[in-house]
Amino acid sequence: MSRVCEVCGRTKSAGKQVSFSNRKSNRTYELNLQKTTITVDGKEKKVKACTRCIKKAKAE
């Protein structure tokens, strides 16, 4: 199952995890994807959309 938003195309991003002793290690930030139904050309379609798109109502 791919972790890609079907509305905006966002994927996971990379960053650093910082410990208490300030050591840095690589990590990835996953998207908060939700299965939702949107209307495309008058038809209902189930898609995986990130919560940013759902909040913006881009997916509706």
PDB file of N, CA and C in Angstrom:
ATOM      1  N   MET A   1       0.842  -1.177   0.000  1.00  0.00           N
ATOM      2  CA  MET A   1       0.000   0.000   0.000  1.00  0.00           C
ATOM      3  C   MET A   1       0.887   1.241   0.000  1.00  0.00           C
ATOM      4  N   SER A   2       0.776   2.048  -1.029  1.00  0.00           N
ATOM      5  CA  SER A   2       1.634   3.217  -1.133  1.00  0.00           C
ATOM      6  C   SER A   2       1.101   4.347  -0.251  1.00  0.00           C
ATOM      7  N   ARG A   3       2.019   5.103   0.290  1.00  0.00           N
ATOM      8  CA  ARG A   3       1.670   6.210   1.177  1.00  0.00           C
ATOM      9  C   ARG A   3       1.758   7.522   0.403  1.00  0.00           C
ATOM     10  N   VAL A   4       0.889   7.671  -0.595  1.00  0.00           N
ATOM     11  CA  VAL A   4       0.872   8.858  -1.435  1.00  0.00           C
ATOM     12  C   VAL A   4      -0.548   9.400  -1.466  1.00  0.00           C
ATOM     13  N   CYS A   5      -0.678  10.700  -1.288  1.00  0.00           N
ATOM     14  CA  CYS A   5      -1.992  11.339  -1.378  1.00  0.00           C
ATOM     15  C   CYS A   5      -2.415  11.356  -2.841  1.00  0.00           C
ATOM     16  N   GLU A   6      -3.622  10.860  -3.128  1.00  0.00           N
ATOM     17  CA  GLU A   6      -4.099  10.796  -4.501  1.00  0.00           C
ATOM     18  C   GLU A   6      -4.634  12.137  -4.995  1.00  0.00           C
ATOM     19  N   VAL A   7      -4.785  13.114  -4.097  1.00  0.00           N
ATOM     20  CA  VAL A   7      -5.302  14.421  -4.498  1.00  0.00           C
ATOM     21  C   VAL A   7      -4.155  15.369  -4.846  1.00  0.00           C
ATOM     22  N   CYS A   8      -3.189  15.525  -3.935  1.00  0.00           N
ATOM     23  CA  CYS A   8      -2.104  16.484  -4.162  1.00  0.00           C
ATOM     24  C   CYS A   8      -0.786  15.831  -4.527  1.00  0.00           C
ATOM     25  N   GLY A   9      -0.641  14.515  -4.318  1.00  0.00           N
ATOM     26  CA  GLY A   9       0.577  13.824  -4.699  1.00  0.00           C
ATOM     27  C   GLY A   9       1.692  13.879  -3.679  1.00  0.00           C
ATOM     28  N   ARG A  10       1.397  14.324  -2.463  1.00  0.00           N
ATOM     29  CA  ARG A  10       2.437  14.387  -1.431  1.00  0.00           C
ATOM     30  C   ARG A  10       2.886  12.984  -1.040  1.00  0.00           C
ATOM     31  N   THR A  11       4.177  12.861  -0.704  1.00  0.00           N
ATOM     32  CA  THR A  11       4.737  11.605  -0.230  1.00  0.00           C
ATOM     33  C   THR A  11       5.421  11.857   1.100  1.00  0.00           C
ATOM     34  N   LYS A  12       6.059  10.824   1.649  1.00  0.00           N
ATOM     35  CA  LYS A  12       6.727  11.009   2.925  1.00  0.00           C
ATOM     36  C   LYS A  12       7.917  11.949   2.771  1.00  0.00           C
ATOM     37  N   SER A  13       8.252  12.645   3.865  1.00  0.00           N
ATOM     38  CA  SER A  13       9.377  13.571   3.842  1.00  0.00           C
ATOM     39  C   SER A  13      10.429  13.121   4.838  1.00  0.00           C
ATOM     40  N   ALA A  14      11.639  13.633   4.688  1.00  0.00           N
ATOM     41  CA  ALA A  14      12.755  13.212   5.523  1.00  0.00           C
ATOM     42  C   ALA A  14      13.175  14.343   6.439  1.00  0.00           C
ATOM     43  N   GLY A  15      13.767  13.955   7.567  1.00  0.00           N
ATOM     44  CA  GLY A  15      14.259  14.934   8.523  1.00  0.00           C
ATOM     45  C   GLY A  15      15.226  14.274   9.479  1.00  0.00           C
ATOM     46  N   LYS A  16      15.466  14.923  10.601  1.00  0.00           N
ATOM     47  CA  LYS A  16      16.381  14.411  11.607  1.00  0.00           C
ATOM     48  C   LYS A  16      15.635  14.168  12.911  1.00  0.00           C
ATOM     49  N   GLN A  17      15.992  13.092  13.588  1.00  0.00           N
ATOM     50  CA  GLN A  17      15.507  12.825  14.933  1.00  0.00           C
ATOM     51  C   GLN A  17      16.605  13.268  15.890  1.00  0.00           C
ATOM     52  N   VAL A  18      16.258  14.127  16.841  1.00  0.00           N
ATOM     53  CA  VAL A  18      17.252  14.696  17.742  1.00  0.00           C
ATOM     54  C   VAL A  18      17.025  14.131  19.131  1.00  0.00           C
ATOM     55  N   SER A  19      18.062  13.515  19.699  1.00  0.00           N
ATOM     56  CA  SER A  19      17.961  12.921  21.033  1.00  0.00           C
ATOM     57  C   SER A  19      18.215  13.982  22.100  1.00  0.00           C
ATOM     58  N   PHE A  20      18.070  13.586  23.349  1.00  0.00           N
ATOM     59  CA  PHE A  20      18.311  14.497  24.466  1.00  0.00           C
ATOM     60  C   PHE A  20      19.765  14.961  24.491  1.00  0.00           C
ATOM     61  N   SER A  21      20.679  14.083  24.084  1.00  0.00           N
ATOM     62  CA  SER A  21      22.096  14.456  24.048  1.00  0.00           C
ATOM     63  C   SER A  21      22.469  15.165  22.743  1.00  0.00           C
ATOM     64  N   ASN A  22      21.454  15.533  21.961  1.00  0.00           N
ATOM     65  CA  ASN A  22      21.601  16.317  20.731  1.00  0.00           C
ATOM     66  C   ASN A  22      22.283  15.541  19.604  1.00  0.00           C
ATOM     67  N   ARG A  23      22.228  14.219  19.657  1.00  0.00           N
ATOM     68  CA  ARG A  23      22.702  13.410  18.527  1.00  0.00           C
ATOM     69  C   ARG A  23      21.595  13.383  17.477  1.00  0.00           C
ATOM     70  N   LYS A  24      21.972  13.399  16.221  1.00  0.00           N
ATOM     71  CA  LYS A  24      20.988  13.433  15.146  1.00  0.00           C
ATOM     72  C   LYS A  24      21.051  12.152  14.330  1.00  0.00           C
ATOM     73  N   SER A  25      19.891  11.619  14.008  1.00  0.00           N
ATOM     74  CA  SER A  25      19.806  10.452  13.133  1.00  0.00           C
ATOM     75  C   SER A  25      18.662  10.687  12.154  1.00  0.00           C
ATOM     76  N   ASN A  26      18.759  10.050  11.012  1.00  0.00           N
ATOM     77  CA  ASN A  26      17.764  10.244   9.957  1.00  0.00           C
ATOM     78  C   ASN A  26      16.450   9.579  10.331  1.00  0.00           C
ATOM     79  N   ARG A  27      15.356  10.198   9.901  1.00  0.00           N
ATOM     80  CA  ARG A  27      14.033   9.621  10.098  1.00  0.00           C
ATOM     81  C   ARG A  27      13.123  10.092   8.978  1.00  0.00           C
ATOM     82  N   THR A  28      11.973   9.455   8.856  1.00  0.00           N
ATOM     83  CA  THR A  28      10.998   9.858   7.848  1.00  0.00           C
ATOM     84  C   THR A  28       9.697  10.231   8.520  1.00  0.00           C
ATOM     85  N   TYR A  29       9.025  11.181   7.946  1.00  0.00           N
ATOM     86  CA  TYR A  29       7.718  11.623   8.412  1.00  0.00           C
ATOM     87  C   TYR A  29       6.674  11.079   7.451  1.00  0.00           C
ATOM     88  N   GLU A  30       5.782  10.244   7.951  1.00  0.00           N
ATOM     89  CA  GLU A  30       4.724   9.667   7.116  1.00  0.00           C
ATOM     90  C   GLU A  30       3.531  10.630   7.065  1.00  0.00           C
ATOM     91  N   LEU A  31       2.774  10.546   5.985  1.00  0.00           N
ATOM     92  CA  LEU A  31       1.561  11.344   5.846  1.00  0.00           C
ATOM     93  C   LEU A  31       0.434  10.755   6.685  1.00  0.00           C
ATOM     94  N   ASN A  32      -0.480  11.596   7.081  1.00  0.00           N
ATOM     95  CA  ASN A  32      -1.689  11.142   7.754  1.00  0.00           C
ATOM     96  C   ASN A  32      -2.755  10.951   6.672  1.00  0.00           C
ATOM     97  N   LEU A  33      -2.778   9.766   6.081  1.00  0.00           N
ATOM     98  CA  LEU A  33      -3.710   9.480   4.990  1.00  0.00           C
ATOM     99  C   LEU A  33      -4.987   8.864   5.538  1.00  0.00           C
ATOM    100  N   GLN A  34      -6.105   9.265   4.958  1.00  0.00           N
ATOM    101  CA  GLN A  34      -7.410   8.742   5.337  1.00  0.00           C
ATOM    102  C   GLN A  34      -8.135   8.313   4.063  1.00  0.00           C
ATOM    103  N   LYS A  35      -8.885   7.228   4.158  1.00  0.00           N
ATOM    104  CA  LYS A  35      -9.723   6.826   3.031  1.00  0.00           C
ATOM    105  C   LYS A  35     -11.003   7.648   3.090  1.00  0.00           C
ATOM    106  N   THR A  36     -11.306   8.332   2.006  1.00  0.00           N
ATOM    107  CA  THR A  36     -12.492   9.171   1.959  1.00  0.00           C
ATOM    108  C   THR A  36     -13.115   9.077   0.571  1.00  0.00           C
ATOM    109  N   THR A  37     -14.359   9.464   0.465  1.00  0.00           N
ATOM    110  CA  THR A  37     -15.045   9.451  -0.822  1.00  0.00           C
ATOM    111  C   THR A  37     -15.174  10.880  -1.326  1.00  0.00           C
ATOM    112  N   ILE A  38     -14.866  11.075  -2.594  1.00  0.00           N
ATOM    113  CA  ILE A  38     -15.000  12.378  -3.221  1.00  0.00           C
ATOM    114  C   ILE A  38     -15.852  12.228  -4.470  1.00  0.00           C
ATOM    115  N   THR A  39     -16.371  13.338  -4.954  1.00  0.00           N
ATOM    116  CA  THR A  39     -17.189  13.344  -6.156  1.00  0.00           C
ATOM    117  C   THR A  39     -16.344  13.837  -7.320  1.00  0.00           C
ATOM    118  N   VAL A  40     -16.173  12.982  -8.323  1.00  0.00           N
ATOM    119  CA  VAL A  40     -15.414  13.337  -9.513  1.00  0.00           C
ATOM    120  C   VAL A  40     -16.321  13.144 -10.712  1.00  0.00           C
ATOM    121  N   ASP A  41     -16.613  14.217 -11.424  1.00  0.00           N
ATOM    122  CA  ASP A  41     -17.491  14.201 -12.601  1.00  0.00           C
ATOM    123  C   ASP A  41     -18.850  13.590 -12.274  1.00  0.00           C
ATOM    124  N   GLY A  42     -19.371  13.887 -11.084  1.00  0.00           N
ATOM    125  CA  GLY A  42     -20.682  13.395 -10.695  1.00  0.00           C
ATOM    126  C   GLY A  42     -20.706  11.975 -10.182  1.00  0.00           C
ATOM    127  N   LYS A  43     -19.560  11.329 -10.065  1.00  0.00           N
ATOM    128  CA  LYS A  43     -19.486   9.959  -9.565  1.00  0.00           C
ATOM    129  C   LYS A  43     -18.695   9.921  -8.274  1.00  0.00           C
ATOM    130  N   GLU A  44     -19.125   9.070  -7.363  1.00  0.00           N
ATOM    131  CA  GLU A  44     -18.421   8.888  -6.099  1.00  0.00           C
ATOM    132  C   GLU A  44     -17.186   8.028  -6.326  1.00  0.00           C
ATOM    133  N   LYS A  45     -16.059   8.434  -5.722  1.00  0.00           N
ATOM    134  CA  LYS A  45     -14.820   7.692  -5.872  1.00  0.00           C
ATOM    135  C   LYS A  45     -14.104   7.649  -4.535  1.00  0.00           C
ATOM    136  N   LYS A  46     -13.628   6.447  -4.144  1.00  0.00           N
ATOM    137  CA  LYS A  46     -12.873   6.313  -2.908  1.00  0.00           C
ATOM    138  C   LYS A  46     -11.408   6.588  -3.187  1.00  0.00           C
ATOM    139  N   VAL A  47     -10.819   7.489  -2.409  1.00  0.00           N
ATOM    140  CA  VAL A  47      -9.409   7.829  -2.577  1.00  0.00           C
ATOM    141  C   VAL A  47      -8.745   7.900  -1.211  1.00  0.00           C
ATOM    142  N   LYS A  48      -7.411   7.836  -1.228  1.00  0.00           N
ATOM    143  CA  LYS A  48      -6.629   8.079  -0.032  1.00  0.00           C
ATOM    144  C   LYS A  48      -6.147   9.521  -0.110  1.00  0.00           C
ATOM    145  N   ALA A  49      -6.625  10.366   0.805  1.00  0.00           N
ATOM    146  CA  ALA A  49      -6.268  11.784   0.800  1.00  0.00           C
ATOM    147  C   ALA A  49      -5.625  12.143   2.124  1.00  0.00           C
ATOM    148  N   CYS A  50      -4.654  13.050   2.083  1.00  0.00           N
ATOM    149  CA  CYS A  50      -4.026  13.503   3.317  1.00  0.00           C
ATOM    150  C   CYS A  50      -4.986  14.454   4.028  1.00  0.00           C
ATOM    151  N   THR A  51      -4.792  14.590   5.322  1.00  0.00           N
ATOM    152  CA  THR A  51      -5.705  15.414   6.106  1.00  0.00           C
ATOM    153  C   THR A  51      -5.592  16.886   5.741  1.00  0.00           C
ATOM    154  N   ARG A  52      -4.471  17.293   5.189  1.00  0.00           N
ATOM    155  CA  ARG A  52      -4.333  18.679   4.736  1.00  0.00           C
ATOM    156  C   ARG A  52      -5.304  18.955   3.598  1.00  0.00           C
ATOM    157  N   CYS A  53      -5.431  18.006   2.676  1.00  0.00           N
ATOM    158  CA  CYS A  53      -6.368  18.164   1.558  1.00  0.00           C
ATOM    159  C   CYS A  53      -7.815  18.092   2.040  1.00  0.00           C
ATOM    160  N   ILE A  54      -8.068  17.239   3.010  1.00  0.00           N
ATOM    161  CA  ILE A  54      -9.426  17.119   3.529  1.00  0.00           C
ATOM    162  C   ILE A  54      -9.823  18.405   4.241  1.00  0.00           C
ATOM    163  N   LYS A  55      -8.887  18.989   5.002  1.00  0.00           N
ATOM    164  CA  LYS A  55      -9.175  20.240   5.710  1.00  0.00           C
ATOM    165  C   LYS A  55      -9.399  21.391   4.743  1.00  0.00           C
ATOM    166  N   LYS A  56      -8.620  21.450   3.681  1.00  0.00           N
ATOM    167  CA  LYS A  56      -8.769  22.509   2.702  1.00  0.00           C
ATOM    168  C   LYS A  56     -10.008  22.334   1.848  1.00  0.00           C
ATOM    169  N   ALA A  57     -10.633  21.168   1.963  1.00  0.00           N
ATOM    170  CA  ALA A  57     -11.799  20.804   1.147  1.00  0.00           C
ATOM    171  C   ALA A  57     -11.424  20.729  -0.318  1.00  0.00           C
ATOM    172  N   LYS A  58     -10.137  20.461  -0.609  1.00  0.00           N
ATOM    173  CA  LYS A  58      -9.725  20.213  -1.981  1.00  0.00           C
ATOM    174  C   LYS A  58     -10.299  18.910  -2.469  1.00  0.00           C
ATOM    175  N   ALA A  59     -10.479  17.964  -1.553  1.00  0.00           N
ATOM    176  CA  ALA A  59     -10.904  16.635  -1.935  1.00  0.00           C
ATOM    177  C   ALA A  59     -12.400  16.553  -2.153  1.00  0.00           C
ATOM    178  N   GLU A  60     -13.129  17.585  -1.844  1.00  0.00           N
ATOM    179  CA  GLU A  60     -14.580  17.539  -1.991  1.00  0.00           C
ATOM    180  C   GLU A  60     -15.041  18.268  -3.228  1.00  0.00           C
TER     181      GLU A  60
END
